[in-house]
Amino acid sequence: MKITFSPIVMDATLTLSKSGDILTINGEQFDFTDLPDGGTIPSGIIPCDFICGEVSRINGKINLTLALPHGLNPSQHVAYPRCIRDAADGDIAVPHDPVIEEPPMPTREEWEAMYPKVQVGEQTDVED
């Protein structure tokens, strides 16, 4: 199976695994066993938002393109991913950037502790 990736800004994750001609995308199986050599499934026929374009079998190998979701500023290996020329059975490593978790917003009490209120007319340490 040859998998080509098409990077796209999308708030989603992509997980893949393969068993023979069955590709599992985010837990949903797509069985291409009955696709004959030289055959093509036209774009839009397969009900999966991640499959971009047609799926074909060339020289016995399934060929397809999958959307590769990423954030606004992807790394080079995600923005320009290499295709997988001969995917082995099992889980397939999908190019991705590590998830960076935003720190939680401070509570009102934490905010006030960081930035105490200054009363009008109160002297501060800031020079004019």
N, C-alpha and C. Protein backbone atom coordinates (compact mmCIF):
# COMPACT_ATOMS: atom_id res chain seq x y z
N MET A 1 0.86 -1.18 0.00
CA MET A 1 0.00 0.00 0.00
C MET A 1 0.90 1.23 0.00
N LYS A 2 0.58 2.14 -0.93
CA LYS A 2 1.32 3.41 -1.01
C LYS A 2 0.39 4.51 -0.53
N ILE A 3 0.85 5.24 0.50
CA ILE A 3 0.05 6.32 1.08
C ILE A 3 0.80 7.63 0.87
N THR A 4 0.12 8.56 0.22
CA THR A 4 0.65 9.91 0.04
C THR A 4 -0.16 10.82 0.94
N PHE A 5 0.52 11.78 1.57
CA PHE A 5 -0.17 12.69 2.48
C PHE A 5 -0.34 14.06 1.82
N SER A 6 -1.49 14.67 2.09
CA SER A 6 -1.79 16.02 1.63
C SER A 6 -2.03 16.88 2.87
N PRO A 7 -1.02 17.65 3.30
CA PRO A 7 -1.16 18.45 4.52
C PRO A 7 -2.27 19.49 4.40
N ILE A 8 -3.02 19.64 5.49
CA ILE A 8 -4.11 20.61 5.52
C ILE A 8 -4.30 21.10 6.96
N VAL A 9 -4.56 22.40 7.10
CA VAL A 9 -4.85 22.94 8.43
C VAL A 9 -6.22 22.41 8.83
N MET A 10 -6.24 21.61 9.89
CA MET A 10 -7.47 20.96 10.33
C MET A 10 -7.32 20.61 11.80
N ASP A 11 -8.34 20.86 12.57
CA ASP A 11 -8.32 20.51 14.00
C ASP A 11 -8.81 19.08 14.14
N ALA A 12 -7.92 18.15 13.85
CA ALA A 12 -8.25 16.72 13.91
C ALA A 12 -6.97 15.93 14.10
N THR A 13 -7.13 14.67 14.40
CA THR A 13 -5.98 13.77 14.47
C THR A 13 -6.21 12.65 13.46
N LEU A 14 -5.13 12.02 13.06
CA LEU A 14 -5.20 10.93 12.10
C LEU A 14 -4.43 9.75 12.66
N THR A 15 -5.13 8.63 12.80
CA THR A 15 -4.47 7.38 13.19
C THR A 15 -4.73 6.37 12.09
N LEU A 16 -3.71 5.57 11.79
CA LEU A 16 -3.80 4.60 10.71
C LEU A 16 -3.25 3.26 11.14
N SER A 17 -3.88 2.21 10.61
CA SER A 17 -3.31 0.87 10.70
C SER A 17 -3.74 0.12 9.45
N LYS A 18 -3.04 -0.97 9.18
CA LYS A 18 -3.27 -1.71 7.94
C LYS A 18 -3.19 -3.20 8.22
N SER A 19 -4.05 -3.93 7.53
CA SER A 19 -4.01 -5.39 7.56
C SER A 19 -4.36 -5.86 6.15
N GLY A 20 -3.34 -6.28 5.41
CA GLY A 20 -3.57 -6.65 4.01
C GLY A 20 -4.03 -5.43 3.23
N ASP A 21 -5.19 -5.55 2.58
CA ASP A 21 -5.75 -4.43 1.82
C ASP A 21 -6.80 -3.67 2.60
N ILE A 22 -6.84 -3.87 3.90
CA ILE A 22 -7.79 -3.15 4.77
C ILE A 22 -7.02 -2.05 5.49
N LEU A 23 -7.46 -0.82 5.27
CA LEU A 23 -6.86 0.34 5.93
C LEU A 23 -7.83 0.85 6.98
N THR A 24 -7.36 1.01 8.19
CA THR A 24 -8.19 1.55 9.27
C THR A 24 -7.76 2.99 9.51
N ILE A 25 -8.75 3.89 9.35
CA ILE A 25 -8.52 5.32 9.52
C ILE A 25 -9.34 5.79 10.71
N ASN A 26 -8.66 6.21 11.77
CA ASN A 26 -9.33 6.66 13.00
C ASN A 26 -10.38 5.66 13.46
N GLY A 27 -10.05 4.38 13.41
CA GLY A 27 -10.93 3.33 13.92
C GLY A 27 -11.93 2.80 12.92
N GLU A 28 -12.06 3.40 11.75
CA GLU A 28 -13.02 2.95 10.73
C GLU A 28 -12.27 2.19 9.63
N GLN A 29 -12.76 0.97 9.33
CA GLN A 29 -12.08 0.13 8.34
C GLN A 29 -12.58 0.40 6.92
N PHE A 30 -11.61 0.40 5.99
CA PHE A 30 -11.91 0.54 4.57
C PHE A 30 -11.22 -0.63 3.87
N ASP A 31 -12.04 -1.52 3.28
CA ASP A 31 -11.54 -2.76 2.69
C ASP A 31 -11.42 -2.59 1.17
N PHE A 32 -10.20 -2.64 0.68
CA PHE A 32 -9.93 -2.49 -0.75
C PHE A 32 -9.57 -3.82 -1.41
N THR A 33 -9.89 -4.93 -0.74
CA THR A 33 -9.56 -6.26 -1.24
C THR A 33 -10.13 -6.51 -2.63
N ASP A 34 -11.36 -6.07 -2.88
CA ASP A 34 -12.02 -6.37 -4.16
C ASP A 34 -11.66 -5.41 -5.29
N LEU A 35 -10.80 -4.43 -5.03
CA LEU A 35 -10.39 -3.50 -6.08
C LEU A 35 -9.40 -4.22 -7.00
N PRO A 36 -9.76 -4.44 -8.29
CA PRO A 36 -8.87 -5.20 -9.18
C PRO A 36 -7.64 -4.38 -9.60
N ASP A 37 -6.61 -5.08 -10.05
CA ASP A 37 -5.41 -4.40 -10.53
C ASP A 37 -5.79 -3.52 -11.71
N GLY A 38 -5.36 -2.26 -11.67
CA GLY A 38 -5.72 -1.29 -12.69
C GLY A 38 -7.04 -0.59 -12.41
N GLY A 39 -7.75 -1.03 -11.38
CA GLY A 39 -9.03 -0.44 -11.03
C GLY A 39 -8.87 0.83 -10.21
N THR A 40 -9.92 1.66 -10.25
CA THR A 40 -9.91 2.93 -9.54
C THR A 40 -11.27 3.18 -8.91
N ILE A 41 -11.26 3.65 -7.68
CA ILE A 41 -12.48 4.14 -7.03
C ILE A 41 -12.42 5.66 -7.15
N PRO A 42 -13.39 6.27 -7.83
CA PRO A 42 -13.33 7.72 -8.05
C PRO A 42 -13.38 8.52 -6.75
N SER A 43 -12.87 9.72 -6.85
CA SER A 43 -12.88 10.66 -5.72
C SER A 43 -14.31 10.91 -5.25
N GLY A 44 -14.50 10.96 -3.94
CA GLY A 44 -15.80 11.28 -3.37
C GLY A 44 -16.72 10.10 -3.15
N ILE A 45 -16.36 8.93 -3.67
CA ILE A 45 -17.21 7.74 -3.51
C ILE A 45 -17.06 7.15 -2.11
N ILE A 46 -15.87 7.16 -1.58
CA ILE A 46 -15.61 6.58 -0.26
C ILE A 46 -15.99 7.60 0.81
N PRO A 47 -16.86 7.22 1.74
CA PRO A 47 -17.34 8.17 2.77
C PRO A 47 -16.32 8.40 3.88
N CYS A 48 -15.26 9.12 3.56
CA CYS A 48 -14.22 9.42 4.54
C CYS A 48 -13.60 10.77 4.20
N ASP A 49 -13.65 11.69 5.16
CA ASP A 49 -13.10 13.04 4.94
C ASP A 49 -11.59 13.05 4.77
N PHE A 50 -10.91 11.99 5.18
CA PHE A 50 -9.46 11.97 5.10
C PHE A 50 -8.94 11.45 3.76
N ILE A 51 -9.77 10.73 3.01
CA ILE A 51 -9.34 10.21 1.71
C ILE A 51 -9.52 11.31 0.67
N CYS A 52 -8.40 11.74 0.08
CA CYS A 52 -8.40 12.83 -0.90
C CYS A 52 -8.19 12.23 -2.29
N GLY A 53 -9.14 12.35 -3.13
CA GLY A 53 -8.96 11.87 -4.50
C GLY A 53 -9.30 10.40 -4.65
N GLU A 54 -8.87 9.85 -5.76
CA GLU A 54 -9.21 8.47 -6.08
C GLU A 54 -8.31 7.48 -5.35
N VAL A 55 -8.81 6.25 -5.27
CA VAL A 55 -8.03 5.14 -4.73
C VAL A 55 -7.85 4.16 -5.89
N SER A 56 -6.63 3.72 -6.12
CA SER A 56 -6.38 2.82 -7.24
C SER A 56 -5.47 1.67 -6.81
N ARG A 57 -5.48 0.63 -7.65
CA ARG A 57 -4.55 -0.48 -7.45
C ARG A 57 -3.65 -0.52 -8.69
N ILE A 58 -2.36 -0.32 -8.47
CA ILE A 58 -1.39 -0.30 -9.55
C ILE A 58 -0.33 -1.35 -9.24
N ASN A 59 -0.15 -2.28 -10.16
CA ASN A 59 0.80 -3.39 -9.98
C ASN A 59 0.57 -4.10 -8.65
N GLY A 60 -0.71 -4.30 -8.33
CA GLY A 60 -1.08 -5.04 -7.13
C GLY A 60 -1.07 -4.24 -5.85
N LYS A 61 -0.66 -2.99 -5.91
CA LYS A 61 -0.52 -2.18 -4.69
C LYS A 61 -1.59 -1.08 -4.65
N ILE A 62 -2.27 -0.96 -3.51
CA ILE A 62 -3.25 0.11 -3.31
C ILE A 62 -2.51 1.44 -3.21
N ASN A 63 -3.01 2.46 -3.92
CA ASN A 63 -2.43 3.81 -3.90
C ASN A 63 -3.53 4.79 -3.51
N LEU A 64 -3.27 5.61 -2.50
CA LEU A 64 -4.25 6.60 -2.09
C LEU A 64 -3.56 7.79 -1.44
N THR A 65 -4.31 8.89 -1.38
CA THR A 65 -3.82 10.11 -0.74
C THR A 65 -4.73 10.42 0.43
N LEU A 66 -4.11 10.73 1.57
CA LEU A 66 -4.86 11.06 2.79
C LEU A 66 -4.55 12.48 3.24
N ALA A 67 -5.58 13.17 3.70
CA ALA A 67 -5.39 14.48 4.31
C ALA A 67 -4.58 14.31 5.58
N LEU A 68 -3.59 15.16 5.76
CA LEU A 68 -2.74 15.12 6.95
C LEU A 68 -3.02 16.38 7.77
N PRO A 69 -3.83 16.26 8.82
CA PRO A 69 -4.18 17.45 9.60
C PRO A 69 -2.98 18.00 10.37
N HIS A 70 -2.94 19.33 10.45
CA HIS A 70 -1.89 19.98 11.24
C HIS A 70 -2.38 21.35 11.69
N GLY A 71 -1.62 21.96 12.59
CA GLY A 71 -1.96 23.28 13.11
C GLY A 71 -1.49 24.39 12.18
N LEU A 72 -1.50 25.62 12.71
CA LEU A 72 -1.18 26.79 11.90
C LEU A 72 0.29 26.92 11.52
N ASN A 73 1.18 26.31 12.30
CA ASN A 73 2.61 26.46 12.03
C ASN A 73 3.29 25.10 12.09
N PRO A 74 3.06 24.25 11.08
CA PRO A 74 3.61 22.90 11.14
C PRO A 74 5.12 22.87 10.93
N SER A 75 5.75 21.84 11.46
CA SER A 75 7.17 21.63 11.22
C SER A 75 7.38 21.19 9.77
N GLN A 76 8.62 21.18 9.33
CA GLN A 76 8.94 20.78 7.96
C GLN A 76 8.47 19.36 7.65
N HIS A 77 8.66 18.43 8.59
CA HIS A 77 8.31 17.04 8.29
C HIS A 77 6.80 16.83 8.22
N VAL A 78 6.01 17.75 8.75
CA VAL A 78 4.55 17.67 8.64
C VAL A 78 4.08 18.46 7.42
N ALA A 79 4.67 19.61 7.17
CA ALA A 79 4.27 20.43 6.02
C ALA A 79 4.67 19.78 4.69
N TYR A 80 5.75 19.02 4.71
CA TYR A 80 6.25 18.35 3.51
C TYR A 80 6.53 16.88 3.81
N PRO A 81 5.48 16.10 4.09
CA PRO A 81 5.69 14.71 4.51
C PRO A 81 6.12 13.81 3.35
N ARG A 82 6.88 12.82 3.69
CA ARG A 82 7.25 11.80 2.71
C ARG A 82 6.10 10.81 2.58
N CYS A 83 5.95 10.26 1.39
CA CYS A 83 4.91 9.25 1.23
C CYS A 83 5.42 7.93 1.80
N ILE A 84 4.49 7.08 2.13
CA ILE A 84 4.83 5.75 2.62
C ILE A 84 4.69 4.83 1.41
N ARG A 85 5.79 4.32 0.92
CA ARG A 85 5.78 3.56 -0.33
C ARG A 85 5.30 2.12 -0.18
N ASP A 86 5.54 1.51 0.94
CA ASP A 86 5.13 0.12 1.12
C ASP A 86 4.75 -0.10 2.58
N ALA A 87 3.57 0.37 2.94
CA ALA A 87 3.11 0.29 4.34
C ALA A 87 2.99 -1.16 4.77
N ALA A 88 3.63 -1.49 5.86
CA ALA A 88 3.55 -2.84 6.42
C ALA A 88 2.28 -2.97 7.25
N ASP A 89 1.86 -4.21 7.51
CA ASP A 89 0.70 -4.44 8.36
C ASP A 89 1.00 -3.96 9.78
N GLY A 90 -0.03 -3.45 10.43
CA GLY A 90 0.10 -2.93 11.79
C GLY A 90 -0.16 -1.44 11.81
N ASP A 91 0.19 -0.83 12.93
CA ASP A 91 0.03 0.62 13.06
C ASP A 91 0.98 1.34 12.12
N ILE A 92 0.50 2.43 11.54
CA ILE A 92 1.30 3.21 10.61
C ILE A 92 1.63 4.55 11.27
N ALA A 93 2.92 4.88 11.29
CA ALA A 93 3.35 6.15 11.88
C ALA A 93 2.89 7.30 10.98
N VAL A 94 2.15 8.22 11.56
CA VAL A 94 1.64 9.38 10.83
C VAL A 94 2.46 10.60 11.25
N PRO A 95 2.99 11.36 10.28
CA PRO A 95 3.74 12.57 10.66
C PRO A 95 2.86 13.52 11.47
N HIS A 96 3.38 14.01 12.57
CA HIS A 96 2.62 14.95 13.40
C HIS A 96 3.58 15.75 14.26
N ASP A 97 3.10 16.88 14.70
CA ASP A 97 3.86 17.71 15.64
C ASP A 97 3.36 17.42 17.04
N PRO A 98 4.23 17.55 18.05
CA PRO A 98 3.77 17.32 19.42
C PRO A 98 2.71 18.35 19.80
N VAL A 99 1.78 17.91 20.61
CA VAL A 99 0.73 18.80 21.09
C VAL A 99 1.30 19.66 22.21
N ILE A 100 1.18 20.96 22.06
CA ILE A 100 1.64 21.89 23.09
C ILE A 100 0.42 22.39 23.82
N GLU A 101 0.34 22.03 25.08
CA GLU A 101 -0.83 22.44 25.86
C GLU A 101 -0.64 23.84 26.39
N GLU A 102 -1.67 24.64 26.22
CA GLU A 102 -1.66 26.00 26.74
C GLU A 102 -1.85 25.96 28.25
N PRO A 103 -1.13 26.79 29.00
CA PRO A 103 -1.36 26.83 30.44
C PRO A 103 -2.76 27.36 30.71
N PRO A 104 -3.39 26.90 31.79
CA PRO A 104 -4.74 27.38 32.09
C PRO A 104 -4.71 28.86 32.46
N MET A 105 -5.81 29.53 32.18
CA MET A 105 -5.93 30.94 32.56
C MET A 105 -5.94 31.03 34.08
N PRO A 106 -5.28 32.04 34.65
CA PRO A 106 -5.28 32.17 36.11
C PRO A 106 -6.68 32.53 36.61
N THR A 107 -6.96 32.07 37.81
CA THR A 107 -8.23 32.44 38.45
C THR A 107 -8.16 33.90 38.84
N ARG A 108 -9.27 34.46 39.24
CA ARG A 108 -9.29 35.86 39.66
C ARG A 108 -8.33 36.08 40.84
N GLU A 109 -8.34 35.13 41.79
CA GLU A 109 -7.48 35.26 42.96
C GLU A 109 -6.00 35.21 42.56
N GLU A 110 -5.65 34.31 41.64
CA GLU A 110 -4.26 34.22 41.19
C GLU A 110 -3.86 35.49 40.44
N TRP A 111 -4.78 36.01 39.63
CA TRP A 111 -4.51 37.24 38.88
C TRP A 111 -4.25 38.40 39.83
N GLU A 112 -5.11 38.53 40.85
CA GLU A 112 -4.97 39.62 41.81
C GLU A 112 -3.69 39.48 42.64
N ALA A 113 -3.27 38.23 42.89
CA ALA A 113 -2.02 38.03 43.62
C ALA A 113 -0.82 38.43 42.76
N MET A 114 -0.91 38.20 41.45
CA MET A 114 0.19 38.58 40.55
C MET A 114 0.22 40.09 40.30
N TYR A 115 -0.96 40.69 40.23
CA TYR A 115 -1.07 42.12 39.92
C TYR A 115 -1.98 42.77 40.95
N PRO A 116 -1.42 43.14 42.12
CA PRO A 116 -2.26 43.74 43.17
C PRO A 116 -2.87 45.05 42.70
N LYS A 117 -4.05 45.33 43.23
CA LYS A 117 -4.74 46.57 42.88
C LYS A 117 -3.97 47.75 43.44
N VAL A 118 -3.94 48.81 42.67
CA VAL A 118 -3.32 50.06 43.11
C VAL A 118 -4.44 51.07 43.27
N GLN A 119 -4.52 51.66 44.45
CA GLN A 119 -5.56 52.65 44.71
C GLN A 119 -5.17 53.98 44.05
N VAL A 120 -6.16 54.73 43.63
CA VAL A 120 -5.92 56.03 43.03
C VAL A 120 -5.20 56.91 44.04
N GLY A 121 -4.14 57.56 43.60
CA GLY A 121 -3.38 58.43 44.47
C GLY A 121 -2.32 57.69 45.27
N GLU A 122 -2.30 56.36 45.21
CA GLU A 122 -1.32 55.57 45.96
C GLU A 122 0.03 55.66 45.27
N GLN A 123 1.07 55.78 46.07
CA GLN A 123 2.43 55.86 45.54
C GLN A 123 2.85 54.48 45.07
N THR A 124 3.47 54.40 43.89
CA THR A 124 3.98 53.13 43.38
C THR A 124 5.48 53.24 43.22
N ASP A 125 6.13 52.12 42.92
CA ASP A 125 7.58 52.10 42.74
C ASP A 125 8.00 52.53 41.34
N VAL A 126 7.05 52.83 40.49
CA VAL A 126 7.36 53.20 39.11
C VAL A 126 7.78 54.65 39.05
N GLU A 127 8.91 54.91 38.38
CA GLU A 127 9.40 56.28 38.25
C GLU A 127 8.68 56.97 37.10
N ASP A 128 8.52 58.29 37.23
CA ASP A 128 7.87 59.08 36.17
C ASP A 128 8.82 59.35 35.04
